[in-house]
């Protein structure tokens, strides 16, 4: 077995496909590369992956290993390159994951809010439908279309006082009806939707 200090001979043998020589190179450099990568990445799994990729690249170099003069510098350069590539990949992954979480959370909240809002609208429509015909008409004109009592009175050919009475009765009924669904109303208020 060759001494680890005879790295040029080990790399020449590795270049020729000698697996025993490569194992010695591997045993010498793998822990150093892994340690270096861990200091940058702060993750054992990714540091190990970097070291494995570097050693695989060394094995695949074949005859090109024979022209390397400064083996420590060579391994440092490969290690830095692989570590930086992995670090960039991790940074990109984190950004993408944050964006996905924001999009998912946003779309999930929008869907939830949309469902609540539709449910509340449906309940309001049910309440309006249960109003007597004249109160329903007054409510729709004043509350939903925004007409003033005078304008609604002209349209319906009744007095403004009658419009006001119908509106008071309609609102009283609506409040009583909607009290049954207070939980939805509270959620909508909390979500600033209603």
C-alpha atoms as a PDB file:
ATOM      1  CA  UNK A   1       0.000   0.000   0.000  1.00  0.00           C
ATOM      2  CA  UNK A   2       1.355   3.412  -0.981  1.00  0.00           C
ATOM      3  CA  UNK A   3       1.761   6.115   1.631  1.00  0.00           C
ATOM      4  CA  UNK A   4      -0.765   8.950   1.514  1.00  0.00           C
ATOM      5  CA  UNK A   5       2.165  11.339   1.289  1.00  0.00           C
ATOM      6  CA  UNK A   6       2.842   9.946  -2.199  1.00  0.00           C
ATOM      7  CA  UNK A   7      -0.298  11.596  -3.612  1.00  0.00           C
ATOM      8  CA  UNK A   8       1.116  12.109  -7.144  1.00  0.00           C
ATOM      9  CA  UNK A   9       1.677   8.354  -7.514  1.00  0.00           C
ATOM     10  CA  UNK A  10      -1.793   7.613  -6.090  1.00  0.00           C
ATOM     11  CA  UNK A  11      -3.447  10.015  -8.522  1.00  0.00           C
ATOM     12  CA  UNK A  12      -1.481   8.589 -11.454  1.00  0.00           C
ATOM     13  CA  UNK A  13      -2.677   5.103 -10.463  1.00  0.00           C
ATOM     14  CA  UNK A  14      -6.233   6.449 -10.059  1.00  0.00           C
ATOM     15  CA  UNK A  15      -5.941   7.954 -13.552  1.00  0.00           C
ATOM     16  CA  UNK A  16      -5.237   4.458 -14.840  1.00  0.00           C
ATOM     17  CA  UNK A  17      -8.323   3.052 -13.105  1.00  0.00           C
ATOM     18  CA  UNK A  18      -6.685   1.652  -9.959  1.00  0.00           C
ATOM     19  CA  UNK A  19      -9.561   1.429  -7.453  1.00  0.00           C
ATOM     20  CA  UNK A  20      -7.273   0.708  -4.490  1.00  0.00           C
ATOM     21  CA  UNK A  21      -5.308   3.904  -5.192  1.00  0.00           C
ATOM     22  CA  UNK A  22      -8.554   5.862  -5.590  1.00  0.00           C
ATOM     23  CA  UNK A  23      -9.773   4.503  -2.231  1.00  0.00           C
ATOM     24  CA  UNK A  24      -6.670   5.968  -0.570  1.00  0.00           C
ATOM     25  CA  UNK A  25      -7.194   9.329  -2.293  1.00  0.00           C
ATOM     26  CA  UNK A  26     -10.839   9.166  -1.273  1.00  0.00           C
ATOM     27  CA  UNK A  27     -10.022   8.377   2.363  1.00  0.00           C
ATOM     28  CA  UNK A  28      -7.557  11.258   2.465  1.00  0.00           C
ATOM     29  CA  UNK A  29      -9.629  14.001   0.817  1.00  0.00           C
ATOM     30  CA  UNK A  30     -13.267  13.085   1.454  1.00  0.00           C
ATOM     31  CA  UNK A  31     -13.297  14.191   5.152  1.00  0.00           C
ATOM     32  CA  UNK A  32     -11.462  17.433   4.305  1.00  0.00           C
ATOM     33  CA  UNK A  33     -13.913  18.295   1.531  1.00  0.00           C
ATOM     34  CA  UNK A  34     -16.899  17.383   3.673  1.00  0.00           C
ATOM     35  CA  UNK A  35     -15.628  19.509   6.556  1.00  0.00           C
ATOM     36  CA  UNK A  36     -15.007  22.489   4.248  1.00  0.00           C
ATOM     37  CA  UNK A  37     -18.480  22.174   2.668  1.00  0.00           C
ATOM     38  CA  UNK A  38     -20.157  21.896   6.083  1.00  0.00           C
ATOM     39  CA  UNK A  39     -18.554  25.169   7.251  1.00  0.00           C
ATOM     40  CA  UNK A  40     -20.236  26.910   4.307  1.00  0.00           C
ATOM     41  CA  UNK A  41     -23.526  25.004   4.026  1.00  0.00           C
ATOM     42  CA  UNK A  42     -24.184  24.164   7.700  1.00  0.00           C
ATOM     43  CA  UNK A  43     -25.812  20.915   6.625  1.00  0.00           C
ATOM     44  CA  UNK A  44     -24.199  17.482   7.004  1.00  0.00           C
ATOM     45  CA  UNK A  45     -26.201  15.861   4.221  1.00  0.00           C
ATOM     46  CA  UNK A  46     -25.342  18.517   1.638  1.00  0.00           C
ATOM     47  CA  UNK A  47     -21.712  18.608   2.775  1.00  0.00           C
ATOM     48  CA  UNK A  48     -21.485  14.852   2.245  1.00  0.00           C
ATOM     49  CA  UNK A  49     -23.129  15.248  -1.166  1.00  0.00           C
ATOM     50  CA  UNK A  50     -20.511  17.856  -2.152  1.00  0.00           C
ATOM     51  CA  UNK A  51     -17.672  15.569  -1.074  1.00  0.00           C
ATOM     52  CA  UNK A  52     -19.143  12.650  -3.022  1.00  0.00           C
ATOM     53  CA  UNK A  53     -19.562  14.793  -6.149  1.00  0.00           C
ATOM     54  CA  UNK A  54     -15.962  16.008  -5.940  1.00  0.00           C
ATOM     55  CA  UNK A  55     -14.623  12.484  -5.520  1.00  0.00           C
ATOM     56  CA  UNK A  56     -16.799  11.212  -8.379  1.00  0.00           C
ATOM     57  CA  UNK A  57     -15.459  13.988 -10.600  1.00  0.00           C
ATOM     58  CA  UNK A  58     -11.889  13.028  -9.650  1.00  0.00           C
ATOM     59  CA  UNK A  59     -12.558   9.374 -10.523  1.00  0.00           C
ATOM     60  CA  UNK A  60     -14.114  10.348 -13.870  1.00  0.00           C
ATOM     61  CA  UNK A  61     -11.177  12.581 -14.860  1.00  0.00           C
ATOM     62  CA  UNK A  62      -9.017   9.626 -15.858  1.00  0.00           C
ATOM     63  CA  UNK A  63      -5.815  10.667 -17.673  1.00  0.00           C
ATOM     64  CA  UNK A  64      -6.374  14.363 -16.937  1.00  0.00           C
ATOM     65  CA  UNK A  65      -5.305  13.652 -13.335  1.00  0.00           C
ATOM     66  CA  UNK A  66      -1.746  13.044 -14.569  1.00  0.00           C
ATOM     67  CA  UNK A  67      -1.175  16.705 -15.465  1.00  0.00           C
ATOM     68  CA  UNK A  68      -2.156  18.096 -12.039  1.00  0.00           C
ATOM     69  CA  UNK A  69       0.828  19.485 -10.131  1.00  0.00           C
ATOM     70  CA  UNK A  70      -0.672  21.016  -6.933  1.00  0.00           C
ATOM     71  CA  UNK A  71      -3.117  18.424  -5.618  1.00  0.00           C
ATOM     72  CA  UNK A  72      -4.234  20.369  -2.548  1.00  0.00           C
ATOM     73  CA  UNK A  73      -5.034  23.441  -4.673  1.00  0.00           C
ATOM     74  CA  UNK A  74      -6.814  21.185  -7.180  1.00  0.00           C
ATOM     75  CA  UNK A  75      -9.041  19.629  -4.473  1.00  0.00           C
ATOM     76  CA  UNK A  76      -9.688  23.028  -2.870  1.00  0.00           C
ATOM     77  CA  UNK A  77     -10.780  24.493  -6.192  1.00  0.00           C
ATOM     78  CA  UNK A  78     -13.100  21.568  -6.948  1.00  0.00           C
ATOM     79  CA  UNK A  79     -14.493  21.694  -3.412  1.00  0.00           C
ATOM     80  CA  UNK A  80     -15.129  25.450  -3.537  1.00  0.00           C
ATOM     81  CA  UNK A  81     -16.827  25.205  -6.926  1.00  0.00           C
ATOM     82  CA  UNK A  82     -19.120  22.346  -5.846  1.00  0.00           C
ATOM     83  CA  UNK A  83     -19.887  23.978  -2.489  1.00  0.00           C
ATOM     84  CA  UNK A  84     -20.762  27.304  -4.102  1.00  0.00           C
ATOM     85  CA  UNK A  85     -22.981  25.553  -6.666  1.00  0.00           C
ATOM     86  CA  UNK A  86     -24.773  23.687  -3.868  1.00  0.00           C
ATOM     87  CA  UNK A  87     -25.100  26.855  -1.784  1.00  0.00           C
ATOM     88  CA  UNK A  88     -26.668  28.704  -4.741  1.00  0.00           C
ATOM     89  CA  UNK A  89     -29.025  25.790  -5.343  1.00  0.00           C
ATOM     90  CA  UNK A  90     -30.062  25.848  -1.662  1.00  0.00           C
ATOM     91  CA  UNK A  91     -30.613  29.608  -1.733  1.00  0.00           C
ATOM     92  CA  UNK A  92     -32.772  29.287  -4.839  1.00  0.00           C
ATOM     93  CA  UNK A  93     -34.669  26.391  -3.271  1.00  0.00           C
ATOM     94  CA  UNK A  94     -35.387  28.464  -0.151  1.00  0.00           C
ATOM     95  CA  UNK A  95     -36.620  31.409  -2.218  1.00  0.00           C
ATOM     96  CA  UNK A  96     -38.861  29.150  -4.282  1.00  0.00           C
ATOM     97  CA  UNK A  97     -40.212  27.415  -1.170  1.00  0.00           C
ATOM     98  CA  UNK A  98     -41.001  30.775   0.450  1.00  0.00           C
ATOM     99  CA  UNK A  99     -42.793  31.936  -2.701  1.00  0.00           C
ATOM    100  CA  UNK A 100     -44.754  28.706  -2.901  1.00  0.00           C
ATOM    101  CA  UNK A 101     -45.757  29.031   0.757  1.00  0.00           C
ATOM    102  CA  UNK A 102     -46.850  32.628   0.241  1.00  0.00           C
ATOM    103  CA  UNK A 103     -48.774  31.718  -2.915  1.00  0.00           C
ATOM    104  CA  UNK A 104     -50.315  28.660  -1.270  1.00  0.00           C
ATOM    105  CA  UNK A 105     -51.185  30.542   1.902  1.00  0.00           C
ATOM    106  CA  UNK A 106     -52.526  33.496  -0.090  1.00  0.00           C
ATOM    107  CA  UNK A 107     -54.595  31.355  -2.418  1.00  0.00           C
ATOM    108  CA  UNK A 108     -55.811  29.254   0.500  1.00  0.00           C
ATOM    109  CA  UNK A 109     -56.847  32.372   2.450  1.00  0.00           C
ATOM    110  CA  UNK A 110     -58.484  33.858  -0.640  1.00  0.00           C
ATOM    111  CA  UNK A 111     -60.435  30.651  -1.185  1.00  0.00           C
ATOM    112  CA  UNK A 112     -61.501  30.557   2.460  1.00  0.00           C
ATOM    113  CA  UNK A 113     -62.511  34.217   2.400  1.00  0.00           C
ATOM    114  CA  UNK A 114     -64.306  33.748  -0.898  1.00  0.00           C
ATOM    115  CA  UNK A 115     -66.316  30.831   0.512  1.00  0.00           C
ATOM    116  CA  UNK A 116     -67.230  32.789   3.658  1.00  0.00           C
ATOM    117  CA  UNK A 117     -68.202  35.853   1.669  1.00  0.00           C
ATOM    118  CA  UNK A 118     -70.375  33.827  -0.697  1.00  0.00           C
ATOM    119  CA  UNK A 119     -71.994  32.063   2.231  1.00  0.00           C
ATOM    120  CA  UNK A 120     -72.786  35.405   3.896  1.00  0.00           C
ATOM    121  CA  UNK A 121     -74.183  36.824   0.654  1.00  0.00           C
ATOM    122  CA  UNK A 122     -76.395  33.778   0.298  1.00  0.00           C
ATOM    123  CA  UNK A 123     -77.683  34.182   3.870  1.00  0.00           C
ATOM    124  CA  UNK A 124     -78.406  37.876   3.250  1.00  0.00           C
ATOM    125  CA  UNK A 125     -80.282  36.981   0.054  1.00  0.00           C
ATOM    126  CA  UNK A 126     -82.321  34.402   1.981  1.00  0.00           C
ATOM    127  CA  UNK A 127     -83.202  37.041   4.578  1.00  0.00           C
ATOM    128  CA  UNK A 128     -84.178  39.559   1.893  1.00  0.00           C
ATOM    129  CA  UNK A 129     -86.320  36.942   0.186  1.00  0.00           C
ATOM    130  CA  UNK A 130     -88.214  36.352   3.470  1.00  0.00           C
ATOM    131  CA  UNK A 131     -89.157  40.038   3.781  1.00  0.00           C
ATOM    132  CA  UNK A 132     -92.734  41.052   2.861  1.00  0.00           C
ATOM    133  CA  UNK A 133     -92.826  42.308  -0.783  1.00  0.00           C
ATOM    134  CA  UNK A 134     -92.982  46.054  -0.001  1.00  0.00           C
ATOM    135  CA  UNK A 135     -90.195  45.884   2.609  1.00  0.00           C
ATOM    136  CA  UNK A 136     -88.075  43.801   0.191  1.00  0.00           C
ATOM    137  CA  UNK A 137     -88.507  46.398  -2.557  1.00  0.00           C
ATOM    138  CA  UNK A 138     -87.663  49.294  -0.220  1.00  0.00           C
ATOM    139  CA  UNK A 139     -84.650  47.423   1.168  1.00  0.00           C
ATOM    140  CA  UNK A 140     -83.297  46.692  -2.324  1.00  0.00           C
ATOM    141  CA  UNK A 141     -83.787  50.286  -3.479  1.00  0.00           C
ATOM    142  CA  UNK A 142     -82.332  51.989  -0.413  1.00  0.00           C
ATOM    143  CA  UNK A 143     -79.800  49.514   0.925  1.00  0.00           C
ATOM    144  CA  UNK A 144     -78.549  47.799  -2.217  1.00  0.00           C
ATOM    145  CA  UNK A 145     -79.025  50.467  -4.871  1.00  0.00           C
ATOM    146  CA  UNK A 146     -78.247  53.382  -2.556  1.00  0.00           C
ATOM    147  CA  UNK A 147     -81.370  55.477  -3.206  1.00  0.00           C
ATOM    148  CA  UNK A 148     -82.433  58.076  -0.636  1.00  0.00           C
ATOM    149  CA  UNK A 149     -85.837  57.703   0.984  1.00  0.00           C
ATOM    150  CA  UNK A 150     -87.243  60.561  -1.180  1.00  0.00           C
ATOM    151  CA  UNK A 151     -86.016  58.895  -4.389  1.00  0.00           C
ATOM    152  CA  UNK A 152     -87.394  55.499  -3.380  1.00  0.00           C
ATOM    153  CA  UNK A 153     -90.717  57.136  -2.390  1.00  0.00           C
ATOM    154  CA  UNK A 154     -91.009  58.771  -5.830  1.00  0.00           C
ATOM    155  CA  UNK A 155     -90.243  55.521  -7.597  1.00  0.00           C
ATOM    156  CA  UNK A 156     -92.792  53.551  -5.553  1.00  0.00           C
ATOM    157  CA  UNK A 157     -95.356  56.363  -5.434  1.00  0.00           C
ATOM    158  CA  UNK A 158     -95.488  56.336  -1.631  1.00  0.00           C
ATOM    159  CA  UNK A 159     -94.468  58.884   1.028  1.00  0.00           C
ATOM    160  CA  UNK A 160     -90.899  59.118   2.328  1.00  0.00           C
ATOM    161  CA  UNK A 161     -92.270  58.368   5.831  1.00  0.00           C
ATOM    162  CA  UNK A 162     -93.718  55.065   4.540  1.00  0.00           C
ATOM    163  CA  UNK A 163     -90.368  54.219   2.943  1.00  0.00           C
ATOM    164  CA  UNK A 164     -88.666  54.949   6.275  1.00  0.00           C
ATOM    165  CA  UNK A 165     -91.141  52.694   8.136  1.00  0.00           C
ATOM    166  CA  UNK A 166     -90.651  49.832   5.673  1.00  0.00           C
ATOM    167  CA  UNK A 167     -86.890  50.276   5.928  1.00  0.00           C
ATOM    168  CA  UNK A 168     -86.923  50.204   9.762  1.00  0.00           C
ATOM    169  CA  UNK A 169     -89.023  47.014   9.748  1.00  0.00           C
ATOM    170  CA  UNK A 170     -86.829  45.401   7.076  1.00  0.00           C
ATOM    171  CA  UNK A 171     -83.612  46.215   8.969  1.00  0.00           C
ATOM    172  CA  UNK A 172     -85.090  44.937  12.246  1.00  0.00           C
ATOM    173  CA  UNK A 173     -85.995  41.641  10.561  1.00  0.00           C
ATOM    174  CA  UNK A 174     -82.601  41.399   8.812  1.00  0.00           C
ATOM    175  CA  UNK A 175     -80.704  41.940  12.087  1.00  0.00           C
ATOM    176  CA  UNK A 176     -82.757  39.270  13.851  1.00  0.00           C
ATOM    177  CA  UNK A 177     -82.322  36.837  10.953  1.00  0.00           C
ATOM    178  CA  UNK A 178     -78.578  37.412  10.647  1.00  0.00           C
ATOM    179  CA  UNK A 179     -78.025  36.990  14.414  1.00  0.00           C
ATOM    180  CA  UNK A 180     -78.409  33.239  13.803  1.00  0.00           C
ATOM    181  CA  UNK A 181     -75.293  33.417  11.631  1.00  0.00           C
ATOM    182  CA  UNK A 182     -73.180  35.600  13.912  1.00  0.00           C
ATOM    183  CA  UNK A 183     -70.174  33.270  13.614  1.00  0.00           C
ATOM    184  CA  UNK A 184     -69.881  33.896   9.867  1.00  0.00           C
ATOM    185  CA  UNK A 185     -70.399  37.631  10.275  1.00  0.00           C
ATOM    186  CA  UNK A 186     -67.683  37.784  12.949  1.00  0.00           C
ATOM    187  CA  UNK A 187     -65.256  35.884  10.699  1.00  0.00           C
ATOM    188  CA  UNK A 188     -65.983  38.262   7.839  1.00  0.00           C
ATOM    189  CA  UNK A 189     -65.447  41.266  10.076  1.00  0.00           C
ATOM    190  CA  UNK A 190     -62.162  39.792  11.331  1.00  0.00           C
ATOM    191  CA  UNK A 191     -61.060  39.162   7.740  1.00  0.00           C
ATOM    192  CA  UNK A 192     -62.145  42.696   6.754  1.00  0.00           C
ATOM    193  CA  UNK A 193     -64.419  41.367   4.086  1.00  0.00           C
ATOM    194  CA  UNK A 194     -67.807  42.634   5.113  1.00  0.00           C
END
